[in-house]
Every structure is written in C-alpha cells, then in structure tokens.
Amino acid sequence: MNEQSNKQEKSPLSPLSKLIKRIWYVLLAVGAAAIMLQDKFAFKEIFWVISLSTLFLAFSCAIMFFKKDFGLADRILYTIVTIVLMFVNPHWLDIPDYLTNDYRVVEGVPTEFKYRNSYKAGSYLHVKVRDVELKLPKDVPNSDDDRWFIIHYLPNSKFIMDYKILTKQETLEKLKKE
C-alpha cells in the first residue's frame, strides 16, 4: 500500500505537461535574454520579443497551475517566478499603447546626460528630460548634451520608440519660445 502511494505521488508528467514545462523554460530564457539585450539592440522588434514571451510565459504558467500533473510546489514556484517577471518587466502592459501609437512624448534639454555601463545591458546613454529618466542608444555624441531632445516612449516600460535631437539653431529657437 505504501509503495502504491509513493508511485502516485511521484507519477511522471504526461508528454503534454513535459512540453508545457519546456515551453515555459524556453520563454523564460528568451524573455530574460531579450530584457538584457534591449538597451544594446534598441529596435522595435525586441519590444515584441519581450512582450510576447512574457504573455506566453504567463499563459503556460496558468496551464501548469490548473493542470493536476504538476505538484503543488511546482505550481507555486512557477507562478511566483512568472508574477515576479511580469512586475519586473512591464513591456506587456504597453502593448495597447504600441498598437494604437499612443506614445508619451517628452521634449527639452536633458538635465542629466551620462554614459553608463551596465553589466547586463552594456553601455547606454542615461538622459533625464523634464524629470523623465530614459535610456537612449549609445550612438548619441557627447556634444549633443545641450541640444533639444524629442523622445517618444512607451509609458510603462519606458521603451524608446523614436527620438530626435534638434540642431543647435533649432534648440536656440525652442529655448527662446519657452
């Protein structure tokens, strides 16, 4: 009798459950890698990689949570990891704004303009314009720190969709108007 109860507790996962578990791990790895590389490779497609991997990760976690094949400890662990990732990585919240082109816009001369080097992201440009802190690609020259920036970004993730740096003449004209 005791042997039978041990076999029931340690029953192997069904092939579908194994597939779901593998998909969860792949999505976790893809999402984490994309998050780490988003500042290094700032292009719009990486937004989708991060957002969709997070959403599918949550979906596969929900399946694992309600599927009886997984033990209680596994369900709790996968759910906690997924929820933490969803809070740390808010890109998925910006999908409606991305689809409707409802970007936030900040304009002005940066009050902070520093090149930083992060272990996970590599080097990037940290700018602060009107109390909004953003990460721009590192290809902006140091000589542009006194120019007018127009930055379009997503509100939750602060993912930069587009930016423009005005010339010195255009900056002077903007500053005169203010």
N, C-alpha and C. Protein backbone atom coordinates (compact mmCIF):
# COMPACT_ATOMS: atom_id res chain seq x y z
N MET A 1 0.82 -1.19 0.00
CA MET A 1 0.00 0.00 0.00
C MET A 1 0.87 1.25 0.00
N ASN A 2 1.91 1.24 0.81
CA ASN A 2 2.80 2.39 0.90
C ASN A 2 3.53 2.61 -0.42
N GLU A 3 3.91 1.50 -1.09
CA GLU A 3 4.58 1.60 -2.39
C GLU A 3 3.66 2.23 -3.42
N GLN A 4 2.40 1.89 -3.37
CA GLN A 4 1.43 2.43 -4.32
C GLN A 4 1.24 3.94 -4.13
N SER A 5 1.20 4.39 -2.90
CA SER A 5 1.02 5.83 -2.65
C SER A 5 2.25 6.61 -3.08
N ASN A 6 3.45 6.01 -2.92
CA ASN A 6 4.67 6.66 -3.39
C ASN A 6 4.68 6.79 -4.90
N LYS A 7 4.18 5.77 -5.60
CA LYS A 7 4.12 5.81 -7.06
C LYS A 7 3.15 6.88 -7.53
N GLN A 8 2.05 7.05 -6.82
CA GLN A 8 1.08 8.07 -7.20
C GLN A 8 1.65 9.46 -6.99
N GLU A 9 2.38 9.68 -5.91
CA GLU A 9 2.97 10.99 -5.64
C GLU A 9 4.06 11.34 -6.64
N LYS A 10 4.81 10.35 -7.07
CA LYS A 10 5.93 10.58 -7.98
C LYS A 10 5.58 10.17 -9.41
N SER A 11 4.34 10.26 -9.77
CA SER A 11 3.96 9.87 -11.12
C SER A 11 4.62 10.80 -12.13
N PRO A 12 5.11 10.23 -13.21
CA PRO A 12 5.79 11.05 -14.21
C PRO A 12 4.80 11.97 -14.92
N LEU A 13 5.32 13.06 -15.42
CA LEU A 13 4.50 14.02 -16.14
C LEU A 13 4.07 13.44 -17.48
N SER A 14 2.90 13.80 -17.90
CA SER A 14 2.44 13.38 -19.22
C SER A 14 3.26 14.10 -20.28
N PRO A 15 3.29 13.60 -21.51
CA PRO A 15 4.06 14.27 -22.57
C PRO A 15 3.62 15.72 -22.78
N LEU A 16 2.33 15.99 -22.67
CA LEU A 16 1.85 17.37 -22.82
C LEU A 16 2.38 18.25 -21.69
N SER A 17 2.38 17.74 -20.48
CA SER A 17 2.88 18.50 -19.35
C SER A 17 4.38 18.77 -19.47
N LYS A 18 5.10 17.78 -19.95
CA LYS A 18 6.55 17.98 -20.18
C LYS A 18 6.78 19.07 -21.23
N LEU A 19 5.96 19.05 -22.28
CA LEU A 19 6.08 20.07 -23.33
C LEU A 19 5.78 21.46 -22.78
N ILE A 20 4.74 21.57 -21.98
CA ILE A 20 4.38 22.86 -21.39
C ILE A 20 5.51 23.36 -20.49
N LYS A 21 6.08 22.47 -19.72
CA LYS A 21 7.19 22.84 -18.83
C LYS A 21 8.40 23.31 -19.64
N ARG A 22 8.72 22.63 -20.72
CA ARG A 22 9.84 23.02 -21.59
C ARG A 22 9.56 24.37 -22.26
N ILE A 23 8.33 24.56 -22.71
CA ILE A 23 7.95 25.84 -23.32
C ILE A 23 8.13 26.97 -22.30
N TRP A 24 7.72 26.73 -21.06
CA TRP A 24 7.86 27.74 -20.02
C TRP A 24 9.33 28.12 -19.85
N TYR A 25 10.21 27.12 -19.78
CA TYR A 25 11.65 27.39 -19.61
C TYR A 25 12.22 28.15 -20.82
N VAL A 26 11.82 27.76 -22.02
CA VAL A 26 12.32 28.46 -23.22
C VAL A 26 11.85 29.91 -23.22
N LEU A 27 10.58 30.13 -22.91
CA LEU A 27 10.06 31.50 -22.86
C LEU A 27 10.74 32.33 -21.78
N LEU A 28 11.03 31.72 -20.65
CA LEU A 28 11.74 32.41 -19.58
C LEU A 28 13.13 32.82 -20.06
N ALA A 29 13.83 31.92 -20.73
CA ALA A 29 15.16 32.22 -21.23
C ALA A 29 15.13 33.29 -22.32
N VAL A 30 14.20 33.17 -23.25
CA VAL A 30 14.10 34.15 -24.34
C VAL A 30 13.76 35.53 -23.78
N GLY A 31 12.79 35.59 -22.89
CA GLY A 31 12.40 36.87 -22.29
C GLY A 31 13.54 37.50 -21.50
N ALA A 32 14.24 36.71 -20.71
CA ALA A 32 15.35 37.23 -19.91
C ALA A 32 16.48 37.73 -20.82
N ALA A 33 16.79 36.97 -21.85
CA ALA A 33 17.85 37.40 -22.78
C ALA A 33 17.45 38.68 -23.51
N ALA A 34 16.22 38.78 -23.92
CA ALA A 34 15.76 39.99 -24.62
C ALA A 34 15.78 41.20 -23.70
N ILE A 35 15.40 41.01 -22.44
CA ILE A 35 15.45 42.12 -21.48
C ILE A 35 16.89 42.60 -21.30
N MET A 36 17.81 41.67 -21.21
CA MET A 36 19.22 42.04 -21.02
C MET A 36 19.79 42.74 -22.25
N LEU A 37 19.29 42.42 -23.41
CA LEU A 37 19.83 42.97 -24.65
C LEU A 37 19.05 44.16 -25.20
N GLN A 38 17.96 44.56 -24.55
CA GLN A 38 17.11 45.61 -25.10
C GLN A 38 17.82 46.95 -25.23
N ASP A 39 18.75 47.27 -24.33
CA ASP A 39 19.46 48.54 -24.43
C ASP A 39 20.58 48.48 -25.45
N LYS A 40 21.13 47.29 -25.60
CA LYS A 40 22.22 47.12 -26.56
C LYS A 40 21.70 47.12 -27.99
N PHE A 41 20.57 46.48 -28.22
CA PHE A 41 19.97 46.42 -29.55
C PHE A 41 18.60 47.09 -29.48
N ALA A 42 18.60 48.41 -29.52
CA ALA A 42 17.35 49.16 -29.36
C ALA A 42 16.60 49.22 -30.69
N PHE A 43 15.79 48.24 -30.96
CA PHE A 43 14.93 48.27 -32.13
C PHE A 43 13.55 47.76 -31.72
N LYS A 44 12.54 48.15 -32.48
CA LYS A 44 11.16 47.91 -32.08
C LYS A 44 10.79 46.44 -31.98
N GLU A 45 11.44 45.59 -32.75
CA GLU A 45 11.09 44.17 -32.73
C GLU A 45 11.40 43.53 -31.39
N ILE A 46 12.43 44.05 -30.70
CA ILE A 46 12.77 43.46 -29.40
C ILE A 46 11.67 43.72 -28.38
N PHE A 47 10.91 44.80 -28.58
CA PHE A 47 9.74 45.06 -27.73
C PHE A 47 8.77 43.88 -27.82
N TRP A 48 8.53 43.42 -29.05
CA TRP A 48 7.61 42.30 -29.24
C TRP A 48 8.15 41.00 -28.68
N VAL A 49 9.44 40.80 -28.81
CA VAL A 49 10.04 39.58 -28.25
C VAL A 49 9.83 39.55 -26.74
N ILE A 50 10.08 40.68 -26.09
CA ILE A 50 9.92 40.75 -24.63
C ILE A 50 8.45 40.60 -24.25
N SER A 51 7.59 41.36 -24.90
CA SER A 51 6.16 41.36 -24.54
C SER A 51 5.50 40.01 -24.76
N LEU A 52 5.70 39.45 -25.94
CA LEU A 52 5.04 38.19 -26.26
C LEU A 52 5.60 37.03 -25.45
N SER A 53 6.90 37.02 -25.22
CA SER A 53 7.46 35.94 -24.40
C SER A 53 6.88 36.00 -22.98
N THR A 54 6.68 37.20 -22.45
CA THR A 54 6.10 37.35 -21.12
C THR A 54 4.64 36.89 -21.09
N LEU A 55 3.88 37.28 -22.10
CA LEU A 55 2.47 36.87 -22.15
C LEU A 55 2.32 35.35 -22.30
N PHE A 56 3.12 34.76 -23.19
CA PHE A 56 3.04 33.30 -23.36
C PHE A 56 3.58 32.57 -22.14
N LEU A 57 4.55 33.16 -21.47
CA LEU A 57 5.05 32.59 -20.22
C LEU A 57 3.92 32.55 -19.19
N ALA A 58 3.17 33.63 -19.09
CA ALA A 58 2.04 33.69 -18.15
C ALA A 58 0.96 32.68 -18.54
N PHE A 59 0.71 32.55 -19.84
CA PHE A 59 -0.29 31.59 -20.30
C PHE A 59 0.13 30.16 -19.97
N SER A 60 1.39 29.81 -20.24
CA SER A 60 1.85 28.45 -19.93
C SER A 60 1.87 28.22 -18.42
N CYS A 61 2.15 29.26 -17.65
CA CYS A 61 2.12 29.13 -16.19
C CYS A 61 0.69 28.87 -15.72
N ALA A 62 -0.27 29.54 -16.33
CA ALA A 62 -1.68 29.32 -15.95
C ALA A 62 -2.10 27.89 -16.25
N ILE A 63 -1.64 27.36 -17.37
CA ILE A 63 -1.95 25.96 -17.70
C ILE A 63 -1.34 25.03 -16.65
N MET A 64 -0.08 25.31 -16.29
CA MET A 64 0.59 24.47 -15.29
C MET A 64 -0.10 24.59 -13.93
N PHE A 65 -0.59 25.77 -13.62
CA PHE A 65 -1.23 25.99 -12.33
C PHE A 65 -2.50 25.16 -12.18
N PHE A 66 -3.25 25.02 -13.26
CA PHE A 66 -4.52 24.30 -13.19
C PHE A 66 -4.43 22.83 -13.61
N LYS A 67 -3.30 22.42 -14.15
CA LYS A 67 -3.13 21.03 -14.57
C LYS A 67 -2.71 20.18 -13.37
N LYS A 68 -3.36 19.10 -13.17
CA LYS A 68 -3.14 18.25 -12.00
C LYS A 68 -1.80 17.50 -12.04
N ASP A 69 -1.16 17.42 -13.21
CA ASP A 69 0.11 16.69 -13.33
C ASP A 69 1.21 17.32 -12.49
N PHE A 70 1.15 18.62 -12.29
CA PHE A 70 2.20 19.33 -11.58
C PHE A 70 1.91 19.33 -10.08
N GLY A 71 2.94 19.14 -9.30
CA GLY A 71 2.78 19.16 -7.85
C GLY A 71 2.53 20.57 -7.34
N LEU A 72 2.09 20.66 -6.13
CA LEU A 72 1.77 21.95 -5.53
C LEU A 72 3.01 22.85 -5.47
N ALA A 73 4.15 22.29 -5.11
CA ALA A 73 5.37 23.08 -5.01
C ALA A 73 5.76 23.64 -6.38
N ASP A 74 5.64 22.83 -7.43
CA ASP A 74 5.94 23.30 -8.78
C ASP A 74 4.99 24.41 -9.19
N ARG A 75 3.73 24.23 -8.92
CA ARG A 75 2.73 25.25 -9.27
C ARG A 75 3.06 26.58 -8.61
N ILE A 76 3.35 26.52 -7.33
CA ILE A 76 3.65 27.75 -6.59
C ILE A 76 4.93 28.39 -7.10
N LEU A 77 5.97 27.60 -7.32
CA LEU A 77 7.25 28.13 -7.78
C LEU A 77 7.12 28.79 -9.16
N TYR A 78 6.51 28.11 -10.11
CA TYR A 78 6.36 28.66 -11.46
C TYR A 78 5.48 29.92 -11.44
N THR A 79 4.45 29.91 -10.60
CA THR A 79 3.57 31.08 -10.51
C THR A 79 4.31 32.27 -9.92
N ILE A 80 5.07 32.07 -8.87
CA ILE A 80 5.82 33.17 -8.25
C ILE A 80 6.84 33.74 -9.22
N VAL A 81 7.59 32.88 -9.89
CA VAL A 81 8.59 33.35 -10.85
C VAL A 81 7.93 34.14 -11.98
N THR A 82 6.82 33.64 -12.47
CA THR A 82 6.11 34.33 -13.56
C THR A 82 5.59 35.69 -13.11
N ILE A 83 5.00 35.75 -11.95
CA ILE A 83 4.46 37.02 -11.45
C ILE A 83 5.58 38.03 -11.22
N VAL A 84 6.67 37.59 -10.64
CA VAL A 84 7.81 38.49 -10.42
C VAL A 84 8.31 39.03 -11.76
N LEU A 85 8.46 38.16 -12.73
CA LEU A 85 8.92 38.60 -14.05
C LEU A 85 7.95 39.59 -14.68
N MET A 86 6.67 39.37 -14.50
CA MET A 86 5.69 40.27 -15.09
C MET A 86 5.73 41.66 -14.44
N PHE A 87 6.06 41.72 -13.15
CA PHE A 87 6.18 43.02 -12.49
C PHE A 87 7.50 43.70 -12.80
N VAL A 88 8.56 42.93 -12.91
CA VAL A 88 9.87 43.49 -13.24
C VAL A 88 9.91 43.95 -14.69
N ASN A 89 9.18 43.27 -15.53
CA ASN A 89 9.18 43.52 -16.96
C ASN A 89 7.80 43.97 -17.43
N PRO A 90 7.52 45.28 -17.37
CA PRO A 90 6.16 45.75 -17.70
C PRO A 90 5.91 45.99 -19.19
N HIS A 91 6.73 45.44 -20.06
CA HIS A 91 6.53 45.66 -21.51
C HIS A 91 5.16 45.21 -21.98
N TRP A 92 4.66 44.12 -21.44
CA TRP A 92 3.37 43.58 -21.87
C TRP A 92 2.23 44.56 -21.60
N LEU A 93 2.39 45.44 -20.61
CA LEU A 93 1.37 46.45 -20.34
C LEU A 93 1.29 47.52 -21.43
N ASP A 94 2.37 47.66 -22.19
CA ASP A 94 2.44 48.68 -23.23
C ASP A 94 1.91 48.22 -24.59
N ILE A 95 1.48 47.00 -24.71
CA ILE A 95 1.00 46.50 -25.99
C ILE A 95 -0.15 47.35 -26.54
N PRO A 96 -1.17 47.68 -25.74
CA PRO A 96 -2.24 48.54 -26.30
C PRO A 96 -1.73 49.90 -26.77
N ASP A 97 -0.82 50.51 -26.00
CA ASP A 97 -0.25 51.80 -26.40
C ASP A 97 0.57 51.67 -27.68
N TYR A 98 1.28 50.57 -27.82
CA TYR A 98 2.08 50.34 -29.02
C TYR A 98 1.17 50.19 -30.24
N LEU A 99 0.12 49.40 -30.09
CA LEU A 99 -0.78 49.14 -31.21
C LEU A 99 -1.55 50.38 -31.66
N THR A 100 -1.84 51.27 -30.74
CA THR A 100 -2.58 52.49 -31.07
C THR A 100 -1.65 53.69 -31.29
N ASN A 101 -0.35 53.45 -31.27
CA ASN A 101 0.66 54.52 -31.41
C ASN A 101 0.45 55.63 -30.38
N ASP A 102 0.04 55.24 -29.20
CA ASP A 102 -0.19 56.19 -28.12
C ASP A 102 1.07 56.29 -27.26
N TYR A 103 2.08 56.92 -27.82
CA TYR A 103 3.35 57.06 -27.13
C TYR A 103 3.35 58.32 -26.27
N ARG A 104 4.13 58.31 -25.22
CA ARG A 104 4.36 59.52 -24.43
C ARG A 104 5.48 60.28 -25.12
N VAL A 105 5.43 61.59 -25.02
CA VAL A 105 6.45 62.43 -25.64
C VAL A 105 7.02 63.34 -24.57
N VAL A 106 8.31 63.42 -24.51
CA VAL A 106 8.99 64.35 -23.63
C VAL A 106 9.94 65.17 -24.48
N GLU A 107 9.94 66.47 -24.24
CA GLU A 107 10.78 67.38 -25.01
C GLU A 107 11.57 68.27 -24.06
N GLY A 108 12.79 68.59 -24.46
CA GLY A 108 13.58 69.53 -23.69
C GLY A 108 15.06 69.20 -23.76
N VAL A 109 15.82 70.05 -23.11
CA VAL A 109 17.26 69.84 -23.00
C VAL A 109 17.48 68.95 -21.77
N PRO A 110 18.25 67.89 -21.89
CA PRO A 110 18.44 66.99 -20.75
C PRO A 110 19.11 67.67 -19.56
N THR A 111 18.58 67.37 -18.38
CA THR A 111 19.22 67.84 -17.15
C THR A 111 20.29 66.85 -16.69
N GLU A 112 20.18 65.61 -17.13
CA GLU A 112 21.22 64.59 -16.91
C GLU A 112 21.55 63.98 -18.26
N PHE A 113 22.82 63.77 -18.49
CA PHE A 113 23.30 63.22 -19.76
C PHE A 113 24.57 62.45 -19.44
N LYS A 114 24.43 61.16 -19.17
CA LYS A 114 25.58 60.36 -18.74
C LYS A 114 25.63 59.04 -19.49
N TYR A 115 26.82 58.68 -19.91
CA TYR A 115 27.01 57.35 -20.47
C TYR A 115 27.27 56.41 -19.30
N ARG A 116 26.53 55.32 -19.28
CA ARG A 116 26.68 54.35 -18.19
C ARG A 116 26.98 52.99 -18.79
N ASN A 117 27.61 52.18 -17.98
CA ASN A 117 27.95 50.84 -18.42
C ASN A 117 27.32 49.86 -17.44
N SER A 118 26.40 49.07 -17.92
CA SER A 118 25.72 48.09 -17.10
C SER A 118 26.21 46.71 -17.47
N TYR A 119 26.34 45.86 -16.48
CA TYR A 119 26.79 44.50 -16.73
C TYR A 119 25.88 43.78 -17.71
N LYS A 120 24.57 43.90 -17.51
CA LYS A 120 23.63 43.16 -18.34
C LYS A 120 23.35 43.83 -19.67
N ALA A 121 23.37 45.16 -19.72
CA ALA A 121 22.92 45.85 -20.92
C ALA A 121 24.06 46.42 -21.76
N GLY A 122 25.25 46.39 -21.24
CA GLY A 122 26.33 47.06 -21.95
C GLY A 122 26.23 48.56 -21.71
N SER A 123 26.86 49.34 -22.53
CA SER A 123 26.81 50.78 -22.30
C SER A 123 25.57 51.38 -22.94
N TYR A 124 25.06 52.42 -22.31
CA TYR A 124 23.89 53.12 -22.80
C TYR A 124 23.97 54.56 -22.32
N LEU A 125 23.14 55.39 -22.90
CA LEU A 125 23.08 56.80 -22.53
C LEU A 125 21.87 57.02 -21.62
N HIS A 126 22.14 57.48 -20.41
CA HIS A 126 21.07 57.79 -19.46
C HIS A 126 20.78 59.28 -19.58
N VAL A 127 19.54 59.63 -19.94
CA VAL A 127 19.15 61.03 -20.03
C VAL A 127 17.94 61.27 -19.14
N LYS A 128 17.87 62.49 -18.63
CA LYS A 128 16.72 62.90 -17.84
C LYS A 128 16.22 64.20 -18.45
N VAL A 129 15.01 64.14 -18.98
CA VAL A 129 14.38 65.30 -19.60
C VAL A 129 13.06 65.53 -18.88
N ARG A 130 12.91 66.69 -18.28
CA ARG A 130 11.68 67.06 -17.54
C ARG A 130 11.28 65.97 -16.54
N ASP A 131 12.24 65.53 -15.76
CA ASP A 131 12.05 64.52 -14.70
C ASP A 131 11.67 63.14 -15.22
N VAL A 132 11.84 62.88 -16.50
CA VAL A 132 11.62 61.55 -17.06
C VAL A 132 12.99 60.96 -17.39
N GLU A 133 13.31 59.84 -16.74
CA GLU A 133 14.60 59.20 -16.97
C GLU A 133 14.44 58.10 -18.02
N LEU A 134 15.31 58.14 -19.03
CA LEU A 134 15.23 57.21 -20.15
C LEU A 134 16.63 56.73 -20.53
N LYS A 135 16.66 55.60 -21.22
CA LYS A 135 17.91 55.05 -21.75
C LYS A 135 17.88 55.17 -23.26
N LEU A 136 18.83 55.91 -23.80
CA LEU A 136 18.95 56.05 -25.25
C LEU A 136 20.11 55.20 -25.75
N PRO A 137 20.11 54.89 -27.03
CA PRO A 137 21.26 54.16 -27.58
C PRO A 137 22.54 54.96 -27.40
N LYS A 138 23.64 54.27 -27.34
CA LYS A 138 24.91 54.94 -27.03
C LYS A 138 25.51 55.69 -28.22
N ASP A 139 24.84 55.71 -29.36
CA ASP A 139 25.41 56.37 -30.53
C ASP A 139 25.16 57.88 -30.57
N VAL A 140 24.63 58.45 -29.49
CA VAL A 140 24.42 59.89 -29.41
C VAL A 140 25.74 60.52 -28.94
N PRO A 141 26.28 61.48 -29.70
CA PRO A 141 27.56 62.08 -29.31
C PRO A 141 27.45 62.93 -28.04
N ASN A 142 28.55 63.04 -27.32
CA ASN A 142 28.60 63.86 -26.11
C ASN A 142 28.29 65.32 -26.40
N SER A 143 28.58 65.76 -27.60
CA SER A 143 28.37 67.16 -27.95
C SER A 143 26.89 67.53 -28.02
N ASP A 144 26.01 66.54 -27.96
CA ASP A 144 24.57 66.80 -28.06
C ASP A 144 23.92 67.02 -26.69
N ASP A 145 24.69 67.10 -25.64
CA ASP A 145 24.10 67.21 -24.31
C ASP A 145 23.39 68.54 -24.05
N ASP A 146 23.65 69.53 -24.88
CA ASP A 146 22.98 70.82 -24.70
C ASP A 146 21.93 71.09 -25.78
N ARG A 147 21.54 70.05 -26.47
CA ARG A 147 20.55 70.20 -27.54
C ARG A 147 19.17 69.77 -27.06
N TRP A 148 18.16 70.16 -27.83
CA TRP A 148 16.76 69.84 -27.55
C TRP A 148 16.46 68.42 -28.02
N PHE A 149 15.92 67.61 -27.14
CA PHE A 149 15.57 66.23 -27.45
C PHE A 149 14.05 66.12 -27.55
N ILE A 150 13.57 65.36 -28.51
CA ILE A 150 12.16 64.99 -28.61
C ILE A 150 12.14 63.47 -28.60
N ILE A 151 11.59 62.90 -27.51
CA ILE A 151 11.66 61.46 -27.32
C ILE A 151 10.24 60.90 -27.20
N HIS A 152 9.94 59.90 -28.01
CA HIS A 152 8.67 59.17 -27.97
C HIS A 152 8.96 57.83 -27.28
N TYR A 153 8.22 57.55 -26.22
CA TYR A 153 8.46 56.32 -25.47
C TYR A 153 7.14 55.73 -24.98
N LEU A 154 7.20 54.46 -24.59
CA LEU A 154 6.03 53.78 -24.05
C LEU A 154 5.96 54.04 -22.54
N PRO A 155 4.77 54.24 -21.99
CA PRO A 155 4.65 54.73 -20.62
C PRO A 155 5.10 53.77 -19.51
N ASN A 156 4.82 52.50 -19.62
CA ASN A 156 5.13 51.58 -18.52
C ASN A 156 6.57 51.08 -18.54
N SER A 157 7.03 50.69 -19.69
CA SER A 157 8.38 50.14 -19.80
C SER A 157 9.42 51.20 -20.10
N LYS A 158 8.98 52.38 -20.51
CA LYS A 158 9.85 53.48 -20.94
C LYS A 158 10.74 53.05 -22.12
N PHE A 159 10.19 52.16 -22.92
CA PHE A 159 10.88 51.69 -24.12
C PHE A 159 10.85 52.83 -25.14
N ILE A 160 12.01 53.21 -25.66
CA ILE A 160 12.13 54.31 -26.61
C ILE A 160 11.66 53.83 -27.98
N MET A 161 10.64 54.50 -28.51
CA MET A 161 10.14 54.16 -29.83
C MET A 161 10.83 54.99 -30.91
N ASP A 162 11.09 56.26 -30.59
CA ASP A 162 11.70 57.15 -31.56
C ASP A 162 12.26 58.35 -30.81
N TYR A 163 13.30 58.93 -31.34
CA TYR A 163 13.80 60.16 -30.74
C TYR A 163 14.44 61.02 -31.82
N LYS A 164 14.50 62.30 -31.54
CA LYS A 164 15.09 63.25 -32.47
C LYS A 164 15.87 64.26 -31.64
N ILE A 165 17.04 64.61 -32.14
CA ILE A 165 17.86 65.62 -31.49
C ILE A 165 17.94 66.80 -32.45
N LEU A 166 17.46 67.93 -32.00
CA LEU A 166 17.44 69.11 -32.86
C LEU A 166 18.84 69.71 -32.99
N THR A 167 19.04 70.48 -34.05
CA THR A 167 20.32 71.15 -34.25
C THR A 167 20.47 72.26 -33.21
N LYS A 168 21.66 72.81 -33.12
CA LYS A 168 21.90 73.90 -32.16
C LYS A 168 21.01 75.09 -32.47
N GLN A 169 20.82 75.40 -33.75
CA GLN A 169 19.97 76.51 -34.14
C GLN A 169 18.52 76.26 -33.74
N GLU A 170 18.00 75.06 -34.02
CA GLU A 170 16.64 74.72 -33.65
C GLU A 170 16.46 74.73 -32.12
N THR A 171 17.49 74.30 -31.41
CA THR A 171 17.45 74.31 -29.94
C THR A 171 17.34 75.73 -29.42
N LEU A 172 18.13 76.64 -29.99
CA LEU A 172 18.06 78.04 -29.57
C LEU A 172 16.68 78.63 -29.82
N GLU A 173 16.09 78.30 -30.95
CA GLU A 173 14.74 78.78 -31.25
C GLU A 173 13.72 78.23 -30.23
N LYS A 174 13.81 76.97 -29.89
CA LYS A 174 12.90 76.36 -28.91
C LYS A 174 13.06 77.02 -27.54
N LEU A 175 14.31 77.26 -27.15
CA LEU A 175 14.57 77.86 -25.86
C LEU A 175 14.05 79.29 -25.78
N LYS A 176 14.09 80.01 -26.88
CA LYS A 176 13.57 81.40 -26.92
C LYS A 176 12.05 81.39 -26.73
N LYS A 177 11.38 80.37 -27.25
CA LYS A 177 9.93 80.29 -27.17
C LYS A 177 9.47 79.97 -25.74
N GLU A 178 10.31 79.33 -24.97
CA GLU A 178 9.93 78.95 -23.60
C GLU A 178 10.06 80.05 -22.65
